[in-house]
Every structure is written in structure tokens, then in C-alpha cells.
């Protein structure tokens, strides 16, 4: 009876080595294809995010302009009310003297 070690000739080992190399070459090729597809998808997602970012920038700029206008209006109103209150207080004080 032969042992397993005696049954493995150099030729059989070379054949096994070639099959293993071929298998790894196929796996490498599939990974390369997958890498290409993943890269293409990320590029599409990046492009979509860039478009969304541009639209959001425009919207935020518009909102910022509106808030600035409202705060300016509020500031102007508060200054006017403050002026009226100070004028009224001066008037009250002047009538009491």
C-alpha cells in the first residue's frame, strides 16, 4: 500500500500548482471587475452629491438673505420703538419739572 506522500509526483504537484494559480487568476480578474463597478458607482454618487450640494448652497444663500432682511427690519423697528419710548420718558420728565 502506497502512502499519500508517495502518490504525489512532481508532475502532479506542478499540475496542482498550475490549477491553484489559474483559480487565483480568475478570482483576481473578478475582483478587478468588481473594483471597476464599485468605482463607477461611487463616481455617480459623488456627482449626485455635488449637484445636491450646489442646490443646497443656493437655497441656504436665499434663506440667509431673507433672515438678514428680517433681522434688519426687526433692528430698525426696535430702534424706532426705543426712540419713541425715550422721547415719551423725556416728555414725562419735562412736564413734571
PDB file of N, CA and C in Angstrom:
ATOM      1  N   UNK A   1       0.847  -1.183   0.000  1.00  0.00           N
ATOM      2  CA  UNK A   1       0.000   0.000   0.000  1.00  0.00           C
ATOM      3  C   UNK A   1       0.889   1.242   0.000  1.00  0.00           C
ATOM      4  N   UNK A   2       0.545   2.174  -0.922  1.00  0.00           N
ATOM      5  CA  UNK A   2       1.317   3.401  -1.001  1.00  0.00           C
ATOM      6  C   UNK A   2       0.743   4.435  -0.047  1.00  0.00           C
ATOM      7  N   UNK A   3       1.635   5.239   0.490  1.00  0.00           N
ATOM      8  CA  UNK A   3       1.149   6.340   1.315  1.00  0.00           C
ATOM      9  C   UNK A   3       0.834   7.512   0.404  1.00  0.00           C
ATOM     10  N   UNK A   4       0.125   8.485   0.972  1.00  0.00           N
ATOM     11  CA  UNK A   4      -0.290   9.652   0.195  1.00  0.00           C
ATOM     12  C   UNK A   4       0.926  10.411  -0.335  1.00  0.00           C
ATOM     13  N   UNK A   5       1.966  10.463   0.433  1.00  0.00           N
ATOM     14  CA  UNK A   5       3.160  11.219   0.044  1.00  0.00           C
ATOM     15  C   UNK A   5       3.816  10.589  -1.184  1.00  0.00           C
ATOM     16  N   UNK A   6       3.830   9.279  -1.257  1.00  0.00           N
ATOM     17  CA  UNK A   6       4.453   8.607  -2.387  1.00  0.00           C
ATOM     18  C   UNK A   6       3.644   8.786  -3.660  1.00  0.00           C
ATOM     19  N   UNK A   7       2.331   9.013  -3.546  1.00  0.00           N
ATOM     20  CA  UNK A   7       1.466   9.147  -4.710  1.00  0.00           C
ATOM     21  C   UNK A   7       1.598  10.519  -5.360  1.00  0.00           C
ATOM     22  N   UNK A   8       2.143  11.516  -4.671  1.00  0.00           N
ATOM     23  CA  UNK A   8       2.284  12.867  -5.217  1.00  0.00           C
ATOM     24  C   UNK A   8       3.621  12.986  -5.933  1.00  0.00           C
ATOM     25  N   UNK A   9       3.553  12.925  -7.217  1.00  0.00           N
ATOM     26  CA  UNK A   9       4.777  13.085  -8.002  1.00  0.00           C
ATOM     27  C   UNK A   9       4.995  14.558  -8.278  1.00  0.00           C
ATOM     28  N   UNK A  10       6.161  14.878  -8.753  1.00  0.00           N
ATOM     29  CA  UNK A  10       6.460  16.263  -9.097  1.00  0.00           C
ATOM     30  C   UNK A  10       5.497  16.767 -10.170  1.00  0.00           C
ATOM     31  N   UNK A  11       5.166  15.921 -11.109  1.00  0.00           N
ATOM     32  CA  UNK A  11       4.243  16.322 -12.186  1.00  0.00           C
ATOM     33  C   UNK A  11       2.860  16.638 -11.620  1.00  0.00           C
ATOM     34  N   UNK A  12       2.403  15.812 -10.719  1.00  0.00           N
ATOM     35  CA  UNK A  12       1.079  16.061 -10.108  1.00  0.00           C
ATOM     36  C   UNK A  12       1.103  17.342  -9.286  1.00  0.00           C
ATOM     37  N   UNK A  13       2.185  17.583  -8.558  1.00  0.00           N
ATOM     38  CA  UNK A  13       2.301  18.813  -7.791  1.00  0.00           C
ATOM     39  C   UNK A  13       2.338  20.035  -8.715  1.00  0.00           C
ATOM     40  N   UNK A  14       3.038  19.908  -9.841  1.00  0.00           N
ATOM     41  CA  UNK A  14       3.073  21.001 -10.814  1.00  0.00           C
ATOM     42  C   UNK A  14       1.679  21.270 -11.374  1.00  0.00           C
ATOM     43  N   UNK A  15       0.923  20.190 -11.666  1.00  0.00           N
ATOM     44  CA  UNK A  15      -0.449  20.355 -12.163  1.00  0.00           C
ATOM     45  C   UNK A  15      -1.327  21.056 -11.121  1.00  0.00           C
ATOM     46  N   UNK A  16      -1.196  20.626  -9.870  1.00  0.00           N
ATOM     47  CA  UNK A  16      -1.981  21.253  -8.802  1.00  0.00           C
ATOM     48  C   UNK A  16      -1.591  22.725  -8.657  1.00  0.00           C
ATOM     49  N   UNK A  17      -0.313  23.002  -8.721  1.00  0.00           N
ATOM     50  CA  UNK A  17       0.160  24.377  -8.615  1.00  0.00           C
ATOM     51  C   UNK A  17      -0.424  25.226  -9.747  1.00  0.00           C
ATOM     52  N   UNK A  18      -0.442  24.694 -10.951  1.00  0.00           N
ATOM     53  CA  UNK A  18      -0.998  25.426 -12.098  1.00  0.00           C
ATOM     54  C   UNK A  18      -2.488  25.670 -11.905  1.00  0.00           C
ATOM     55  N   UNK A  19      -3.217  24.680 -11.421  1.00  0.00           N
ATOM     56  CA  UNK A  19      -4.657  24.847 -11.188  1.00  0.00           C
ATOM     57  C   UNK A  19      -4.918  25.911 -10.122  1.00  0.00           C
ATOM     58  N   UNK A  20      -4.122  25.895  -9.064  1.00  0.00           N
ATOM     59  CA  UNK A  20      -4.284  26.896  -7.998  1.00  0.00           C
ATOM     60  C   UNK A  20      -3.997  28.285  -8.552  1.00  0.00           C
ATOM     61  N   UNK A  21      -2.929  28.413  -9.354  1.00  0.00           N
ATOM     62  CA  UNK A  21      -2.606  29.707  -9.952  1.00  0.00           C
ATOM     63  C   UNK A  21      -3.727  30.183 -10.868  1.00  0.00           C
ATOM     64  N   UNK A  22      -4.295  29.281 -11.660  1.00  0.00           N
ATOM     65  CA  UNK A  22      -5.404  29.641 -12.552  1.00  0.00           C
ATOM     66  C   UNK A  22      -6.622  30.087 -11.744  1.00  0.00           C
ATOM     67  N   UNK A  23      -6.888  29.381 -10.661  1.00  0.00           N
ATOM     68  CA  UNK A  23      -8.024  29.757  -9.808  1.00  0.00           C
ATOM     69  C   UNK A  23      -7.838  31.145  -9.215  1.00  0.00           C
ATOM     70  N   UNK A  24      -6.643  31.423  -8.722  1.00  0.00           N
ATOM     71  CA  UNK A  24      -6.379  32.754  -8.172  1.00  0.00           C
ATOM     72  C   UNK A  24      -6.434  33.824  -9.254  1.00  0.00           C
ATOM     73  N   UNK A  25      -5.992  33.491 -10.455  1.00  0.00           N
ATOM     74  CA  UNK A  25      -6.055  34.460 -11.558  1.00  0.00           C
ATOM     75  C   UNK A  25      -7.518  34.802 -11.867  1.00  0.00           C
ATOM     76  N   UNK A  26      -8.394  33.801 -11.852  1.00  0.00           N
ATOM     77  CA  UNK A  26      -9.827  34.061 -12.082  1.00  0.00           C
ATOM     78  C   UNK A  26     -10.416  34.920 -10.960  1.00  0.00           C
ATOM     79  N   UNK A  27     -10.040  34.605  -9.721  1.00  0.00           N
ATOM     80  CA  UNK A  27     -10.530  35.398  -8.590  1.00  0.00           C
ATOM     81  C   UNK A  27     -10.026  36.839  -8.695  1.00  0.00           C
ATOM     82  N   UNK A  28      -8.749  37.014  -9.042  1.00  0.00           N
ATOM     83  CA  UNK A  28      -8.201  38.357  -9.207  1.00  0.00           C
ATOM     84  C   UNK A  28      -8.941  39.125 -10.300  1.00  0.00           C
ATOM     85  N   UNK A  29      -9.244  38.452 -11.408  1.00  0.00           N
ATOM     86  CA  UNK A  29      -9.968  39.113 -12.504  1.00  0.00           C
ATOM     87  C   UNK A  29     -11.358  39.539 -12.046  1.00  0.00           C
ATOM     88  N   UNK A  30     -12.016  38.695 -11.294  1.00  0.00           N
ATOM     89  CA  UNK A  30     -13.352  39.058 -10.801  1.00  0.00           C
ATOM     90  C   UNK A  30     -13.281  40.229  -9.838  1.00  0.00           C
ATOM     91  N   UNK A  31     -12.275  40.253  -8.979  1.00  0.00           N
ATOM     92  CA  UNK A  31     -12.118  41.390  -8.064  1.00  0.00           C
ATOM     93  C   UNK A  31     -11.834  42.676  -8.846  1.00  0.00           C
ATOM     94  N   UNK A  32     -11.040  42.572  -9.902  1.00  0.00           N
ATOM     95  CA  UNK A  32     -10.765  43.751 -10.730  1.00  0.00           C
ATOM     96  C   UNK A  32     -12.057  44.284 -11.356  1.00  0.00           C
ATOM     97  N   UNK A  33     -12.900  43.382 -11.855  1.00  0.00           N
ATOM     98  CA  UNK A  33     -14.195  43.802 -12.415  1.00  0.00           C
ATOM     99  C   UNK A  33     -15.052  44.465 -11.341  1.00  0.00           C
ATOM    100  N   UNK A  34     -15.085  43.848 -10.179  1.00  0.00           N
ATOM    101  CA  UNK A  34     -15.877  44.391  -9.083  1.00  0.00           C
ATOM    102  C   UNK A  34     -15.352  45.760  -8.659  1.00  0.00           C
ATOM    103  N   UNK A  35     -14.057  45.916  -8.587  1.00  0.00           N
ATOM    104  CA  UNK A  35     -13.471  47.216  -8.245  1.00  0.00           C
ATOM    105  C   UNK A  35     -13.899  48.276  -9.244  1.00  0.00           C
ATOM    106  N   UNK A  36     -13.885  47.924 -10.528  1.00  0.00           N
ATOM    107  CA  UNK A  36     -14.300  48.879 -11.559  1.00  0.00           C
ATOM    108  C   UNK A  36     -15.753  49.280 -11.407  1.00  0.00           C
ATOM    109  N   UNK A  37     -16.611  48.318 -11.130  1.00  0.00           N
ATOM    110  CA  UNK A  37     -18.037  48.641 -10.951  1.00  0.00           C
ATOM    111  C   UNK A  37     -18.260  49.485  -9.711  1.00  0.00           C
ATOM    112  N   UNK A  38     -17.572  49.163  -8.625  1.00  0.00           N
ATOM    113  CA  UNK A  38     -17.724  49.943  -7.392  1.00  0.00           C
ATOM    114  C   UNK A  38     -17.233  51.366  -7.614  1.00  0.00           C
ATOM    115  N   UNK A  39     -16.090  51.518  -8.286  1.00  0.00           N
ATOM    116  CA  UNK A  39     -15.562  52.860  -8.564  1.00  0.00           C
ATOM    117  C   UNK A  39     -16.548  53.669  -9.401  1.00  0.00           C
ATOM    118  N   UNK A  40     -17.135  53.046 -10.412  1.00  0.00           N
ATOM    119  CA  UNK A  40     -18.105  53.746 -11.266  1.00  0.00           C
ATOM    120  C   UNK A  40     -19.322  54.177 -10.455  1.00  0.00           C
ATOM    121  N   UNK A  41     -19.798  53.326  -9.576  1.00  0.00           N
ATOM    122  CA  UNK A  41     -20.955  53.699  -8.754  1.00  0.00           C
ATOM    123  C   UNK A  41     -20.626  54.838  -7.804  1.00  0.00           C
ATOM    124  N   UNK A  42     -19.459  54.799  -7.194  1.00  0.00           N
ATOM    125  CA  UNK A  42     -19.064  55.892  -6.307  1.00  0.00           C
ATOM    126  C   UNK A  42     -18.936  57.205  -7.076  1.00  0.00           C
ATOM    127  N   UNK A  43     -18.447  57.136  -8.300  1.00  0.00           N
ATOM    128  CA  UNK A  43     -18.352  58.353  -9.109  1.00  0.00           C
ATOM    129  C   UNK A  43     -19.742  58.922  -9.384  1.00  0.00           C
ATOM    130  N   UNK A  44     -20.712  58.054  -9.672  1.00  0.00           N
ATOM    131  CA  UNK A  44     -22.076  58.535  -9.904  1.00  0.00           C
ATOM    132  C   UNK A  44     -22.664  59.133  -8.629  1.00  0.00           C
ATOM    133  N   UNK A  45     -22.424  58.480  -7.492  1.00  0.00           N
ATOM    134  CA  UNK A  45     -22.938  59.003  -6.225  1.00  0.00           C
ATOM    135  C   UNK A  45     -22.278  60.345  -5.904  1.00  0.00           C
ATOM    136  N   UNK A  46     -20.973  60.438  -6.129  1.00  0.00           N
ATOM    137  CA  UNK A  46     -20.279  61.711  -5.889  1.00  0.00           C
ATOM    138  C   UNK A  46     -20.857  62.822  -6.754  1.00  0.00           C
ATOM    139  N   UNK A  47     -21.135  62.519  -8.017  1.00  0.00           N
ATOM    140  CA  UNK A  47     -21.704  63.531  -8.910  1.00  0.00           C
ATOM    141  C   UNK A  47     -23.076  63.979  -8.408  1.00  0.00           C
ATOM    142  N   UNK A  48     -23.881  63.027  -7.948  1.00  0.00           N
ATOM    143  CA  UNK A  48     -25.209  63.387  -7.426  1.00  0.00           C
ATOM    144  C   UNK A  48     -25.083  64.261  -6.178  1.00  0.00           C
ATOM    145  N   UNK A  49     -24.158  63.918  -5.290  1.00  0.00           N
ATOM    146  CA  UNK A  49     -23.968  64.721  -4.083  1.00  0.00           C
ATOM    147  C   UNK A  49     -23.475  66.131  -4.418  1.00  0.00           C
ATOM    148  N   UNK A  50     -22.621  66.235  -5.420  1.00  0.00           N
ATOM    149  CA  UNK A  50     -22.153  67.560  -5.816  1.00  0.00           C
ATOM    150  C   UNK A  50     -23.306  68.412  -6.341  1.00  0.00           C
ATOM    151  N   UNK A  51     -24.204  67.809  -7.111  1.00  0.00           N
ATOM    152  CA  UNK A  51     -25.373  68.550  -7.603  1.00  0.00           C
ATOM    153  C   UNK A  51     -26.272  68.962  -6.444  1.00  0.00           C
ATOM    154  N   UNK A  52     -26.490  68.030  -5.509  1.00  0.00           N
ATOM    155  CA  UNK A  52     -27.328  68.349  -4.352  1.00  0.00           C
ATOM    156  C   UNK A  52     -26.685  69.444  -3.516  1.00  0.00           C
ATOM    157  N   UNK A  53     -25.377  69.392  -3.356  1.00  0.00           N
ATOM    158  CA  UNK A  53     -24.672  70.400  -2.567  1.00  0.00           C
ATOM    159  C   UNK A  53     -24.824  71.779  -3.210  1.00  0.00           C
ATOM    160  N   UNK A  54     -24.733  71.829  -4.535  1.00  0.00           N
ATOM    161  CA  UNK A  54     -24.889  73.113  -5.224  1.00  0.00           C
ATOM    162  C   UNK A  54     -26.294  73.666  -5.018  1.00  0.00           C
ATOM    163  N   UNK A  55     -27.296  72.797  -5.110  1.00  0.00           N
ATOM    164  CA  UNK A  55     -28.681  73.254  -4.897  1.00  0.00           C
ATOM    165  C   UNK A  55     -28.878  73.711  -3.459  1.00  0.00           C
ATOM    166  N   UNK A  56     -28.317  72.984  -2.498  1.00  0.00           N
ATOM    167  CA  UNK A  56     -28.458  73.379  -1.092  1.00  0.00           C
ATOM    168  C   UNK A  56     -27.760  74.704  -0.823  1.00  0.00           C
ATOM    169  N   UNK A  57     -26.602  74.907  -1.442  1.00  0.00           N
ATOM    170  CA  UNK A  57     -25.902  76.179  -1.263  1.00  0.00           C
ATOM    171  C   UNK A  57     -26.776  77.340  -1.725  1.00  0.00           C
ATOM    172  N   UNK A  58     -27.422  77.166  -2.866  1.00  0.00           N
ATOM    173  CA  UNK A  58     -28.292  78.221  -3.391  1.00  0.00           C
ATOM    174  C   UNK A  58     -29.451  78.468  -2.427  1.00  0.00           C
ATOM    175  N   UNK A  59     -30.049  77.388  -1.931  1.00  0.00           N
ATOM    176  CA  UNK A  59     -31.181  77.544  -1.009  1.00  0.00           C
ATOM    177  C   UNK A  59     -30.758  78.220   0.286  1.00  0.00           C
ATOM    178  N   UNK A  60     -29.605  77.819   0.835  1.00  0.00           N
ATOM    179  CA  UNK A  60     -29.147  78.431   2.083  1.00  0.00           C
ATOM    180  C   UNK A  60     -28.792  79.902   1.886  1.00  0.00           C
ATOM    181  N   UNK A  61     -28.216  80.229   0.747  1.00  0.00           N
ATOM    182  CA  UNK A  61     -27.917  81.635   0.479  1.00  0.00           C
ATOM    183  C   UNK A  61     -29.204  82.449   0.424  1.00  0.00           C
ATOM    184  N   UNK A  62     -30.225  81.897  -0.206  1.00  0.00           N
ATOM    185  CA  UNK A  62     -31.520  82.577  -0.278  1.00  0.00           C
ATOM    186  C   UNK A  62     -32.115  82.761   1.115  1.00  0.00           C
ATOM    187  N   UNK A  63     -32.046  81.709   1.930  1.00  0.00           N
ATOM    188  CA  UNK A  63     -32.572  81.802   3.294  1.00  0.00           C
ATOM    189  C   UNK A  63     -31.781  82.816   4.114  1.00  0.00           C
ATOM    190  N   UNK A  64     -30.477  82.839   3.931  1.00  0.00           N
ATOM    191  CA  UNK A  64     -29.643  83.771   4.665  1.00  0.00           C
ATOM    192  C   UNK A  64     -29.996  85.218   4.303  1.00  0.00           C
ATOM    193  N   UNK A  65     -30.229  85.457   3.026  1.00  0.00           N
ATOM    194  CA  UNK A  65     -30.618  86.806   2.604  1.00  0.00           C
ATOM    195  C   UNK A  65     -31.954  87.211   3.231  1.00  0.00           C
ATOM    196  N   UNK A  66     -32.901  86.278   3.267  1.00  0.00           N
ATOM    197  CA  UNK A  66     -34.204  86.582   3.868  1.00  0.00           C
ATOM    198  C   UNK A  66     -34.071  86.845   5.364  1.00  0.00           C
ATOM    199  N   UNK A  67     -33.283  86.017   6.066  1.00  0.00           N
ATOM    200  CA  UNK A  67     -33.087  86.238   7.501  1.00  0.00           C
ATOM    201  C   UNK A  67     -32.401  87.574   7.760  1.00  0.00           C
ATOM    202  N   UNK A  68     -31.399  87.878   6.939  1.00  0.00           N
ATOM    203  CA  UNK A  68     -30.722  89.168   7.111  1.00  0.00           C
ATOM    204  C   UNK A  68     -31.704  90.320   6.949  1.00  0.00           C
ATOM    205  N   UNK A  69     -32.566  90.240   5.944  1.00  0.00           N
ATOM    206  CA  UNK A  69     -33.552  91.302   5.720  1.00  0.00           C
ATOM    207  C   UNK A  69     -34.510  91.402   6.903  1.00  0.00           C
ATOM    208  N   UNK A  70     -34.936  90.261   7.429  1.00  0.00           N
ATOM    209  CA  UNK A  70     -35.864  90.279   8.568  1.00  0.00           C
ATOM    210  C   UNK A  70     -35.194  90.831   9.827  1.00  0.00           C
ATOM    211  N   UNK A  71     -33.953  90.429  10.081  1.00  0.00           N
ATOM    212  CA  UNK A  71     -33.257  90.947  11.259  1.00  0.00           C
ATOM    213  C   UNK A  71     -32.998  92.447  11.124  1.00  0.00           C
ATOM    214  N   UNK A  72     -32.683  92.894   9.917  1.00  0.00           N
ATOM    215  CA  UNK A  72     -32.506  94.339   9.705  1.00  0.00           C
ATOM    216  C   UNK A  72     -33.803  95.081   9.980  1.00  0.00           C
ATOM    217  N   UNK A  73     -34.910  94.524   9.516  1.00  0.00           N
ATOM    218  CA  UNK A  73     -36.213  95.139   9.751  1.00  0.00           C
ATOM    219  C   UNK A  73     -36.543  95.149  11.240  1.00  0.00           C
ATOM    220  N   UNK A  74     -36.277  94.039  11.934  1.00  0.00           N
ATOM    221  CA  UNK A  74     -36.532  93.957  13.370  1.00  0.00           C
ATOM    222  C   UNK A  74     -35.656  94.966  14.126  1.00  0.00           C
ATOM    223  N   UNK A  75     -34.403  95.069  13.732  1.00  0.00           N
ATOM    224  CA  UNK A  75     -33.494  96.014  14.376  1.00  0.00           C
ATOM    225  C   UNK A  75     -33.997  97.448  14.176  1.00  0.00           C
ATOM    226  N   UNK A  76     -34.434  97.761  12.976  1.00  0.00           N
ATOM    227  CA  UNK A  76     -34.951  99.103  12.691  1.00  0.00           C
ATOM    228  C   UNK A  76     -36.200  99.395  13.529  1.00  0.00           C
ATOM    229  N   UNK A  77     -37.095  98.419  13.633  1.00  0.00           N
ATOM    230  CA  UNK A  77     -38.314  98.579  14.426  1.00  0.00           C
ATOM    231  C   UNK A  77     -37.983  98.790  15.901  1.00  0.00           C
ATOM    232  N   UNK A  78     -37.027  98.008  16.432  1.00  0.00           N
ATOM    233  CA  UNK A  78     -36.654  98.148  17.838  1.00  0.00           C
ATOM    234  C   UNK A  78     -36.033  99.518  18.104  1.00  0.00           C
ATOM    235  N   UNK A  79     -35.234  99.999  17.169  1.00  0.00           N
ATOM    236  CA  UNK A  79     -34.636 101.331  17.332  1.00  0.00           C
ATOM    237  C   UNK A  79     -35.724 102.410  17.325  1.00  0.00           C
ATOM    238  N   UNK A  80     -36.716 102.263  16.458  1.00  0.00           N
ATOM    239  CA  UNK A  80     -37.801 103.245  16.405  1.00  0.00           C
ATOM    240  C   UNK A  80     -38.616 103.222  17.687  1.00  0.00           C
ATOM    241  N   UNK A  81     -38.950 102.028  18.172  1.00  0.00           N
ATOM    242  CA  UNK A  81     -39.725 101.915  19.412  1.00  0.00           C
ATOM    243  C   UNK A  81     -38.910 102.471  20.574  1.00  0.00           C
ATOM    244  N   UNK A  82     -37.615 102.152  20.609  1.00  0.00           N
ATOM    245  CA  UNK A  82     -36.762 102.683  21.665  1.00  0.00           C
ATOM    246  C   UNK A  82     -36.709 104.201  21.631  1.00  0.00           C
ATOM    247  N   UNK A  83     -36.621 104.773  20.435  1.00  0.00           N
ATOM    248  CA  UNK A  83     -36.616 106.228  20.305  1.00  0.00           C
ATOM    249  C   UNK A  83     -37.901 106.845  20.799  1.00  0.00           C
ATOM    250  N   UNK A  84     -39.031 106.210  20.473  1.00  0.00           N
ATOM    251  CA  UNK A  84     -40.333 106.708  20.921  1.00  0.00           C
ATOM    252  C   UNK A  84     -40.427 106.630  22.444  1.00  0.00           C
ATOM    253  N   UNK A  85     -39.968 105.524  23.045  1.00  0.00           N
ATOM    254  CA  UNK A  85     -40.029 105.368  24.497  1.00  0.00           C
ATOM    255  C   UNK A  85     -39.161 106.420  25.168  1.00  0.00           C
ATOM    256  N   UNK A  86     -37.960 106.638  24.672  1.00  0.00           N
ATOM    257  CA  UNK A  86     -37.071 107.651  25.266  1.00  0.00           C
ATOM    258  C   UNK A  86     -37.680 109.041  25.134  1.00  0.00           C
ATOM    259  N   UNK A  87     -38.248 109.346  23.969  1.00  0.00           N
ATOM    260  CA  UNK A  87     -38.890 110.648  23.768  1.00  0.00           C
ATOM    261  C   UNK A  87     -40.065 110.813  24.733  1.00  0.00           C
ATOM    262  N   UNK A  88     -40.857 109.751  24.924  1.00  0.00           N
ATOM    263  CA  UNK A  88     -42.003 109.818  25.834  1.00  0.00           C
ATOM    264  C   UNK A  88     -41.516 110.028  27.271  1.00  0.00           C
ATOM    265  N   UNK A  89     -40.458 109.326  27.670  1.00  0.00           N
ATOM    266  CA  UNK A  89     -39.925 109.495  29.024  1.00  0.00           C
ATOM    267  C   UNK A  89     -39.393 110.915  29.236  1.00  0.00           C
ATOM    268  N   UNK A  90     -38.718 111.449  28.252  1.00  0.00           N
ATOM    269  CA  UNK A  90     -38.232 112.836  28.357  1.00  0.00           C
ATOM    270  C   UNK A  90     -39.410 113.788  28.470  1.00  0.00           C
ATOM    271  N   UNK A  91     -40.469 113.519  27.701  1.00  0.00           N
ATOM    272  CA  UNK A  91     -41.661 114.358  27.786  1.00  0.00           C
ATOM    273  C   UNK A  91     -42.305 114.299  29.149  1.00  0.00           C
ATOM    274  N   UNK A  92     -42.400 113.102  29.735  1.00  0.00           N
ATOM    275  CA  UNK A  92     -42.998 112.943  31.064  1.00  0.00           C
ATOM    276  C   UNK A  92     -42.148 113.666  32.098  1.00  0.00           C
ATOM    277  N   UNK A  93     -40.845 113.498  32.029  1.00  0.00           N
ATOM    278  CA  UNK A  93     -39.946 114.151  32.983  1.00  0.00           C
ATOM    279  C   UNK A  93     -40.047 115.689  32.845  1.00  0.00           C
ATOM    280  N   UNK A  94     -40.114 116.182  31.620  1.00  0.00           N
ATOM    281  CA  UNK A  94     -40.183 117.637  31.385  1.00  0.00           C
ATOM    282  C   UNK A  94     -41.487 118.215  31.926  1.00  0.00           C
ATOM    283  N   UNK A  95     -42.573 117.475  31.841  1.00  0.00           N
ATOM    284  CA  UNK A  95     -43.853 118.011  32.357  1.00  0.00           C
ATOM    285  C   UNK A  95     -43.905 117.983  33.868  1.00  0.00           C
ATOM    286  N   UNK A  96     -43.093 117.137  34.516  1.00  0.00           N
ATOM    287  CA  UNK A  96     -43.085 117.029  35.958  1.00  0.00           C
ATOM    288  C   UNK A  96     -42.197 118.082  36.625  1.00  0.00           C
ATOM    289  N   UNK A  97     -41.341 118.740  35.901  1.00  0.00           N
ATOM    290  CA  UNK A  97     -40.450 119.736  36.477  1.00  0.00           C
ATOM    291  C   UNK A  97     -41.138 121.030  36.575  1.00  0.00           C
TER     292      UNK A  97
END
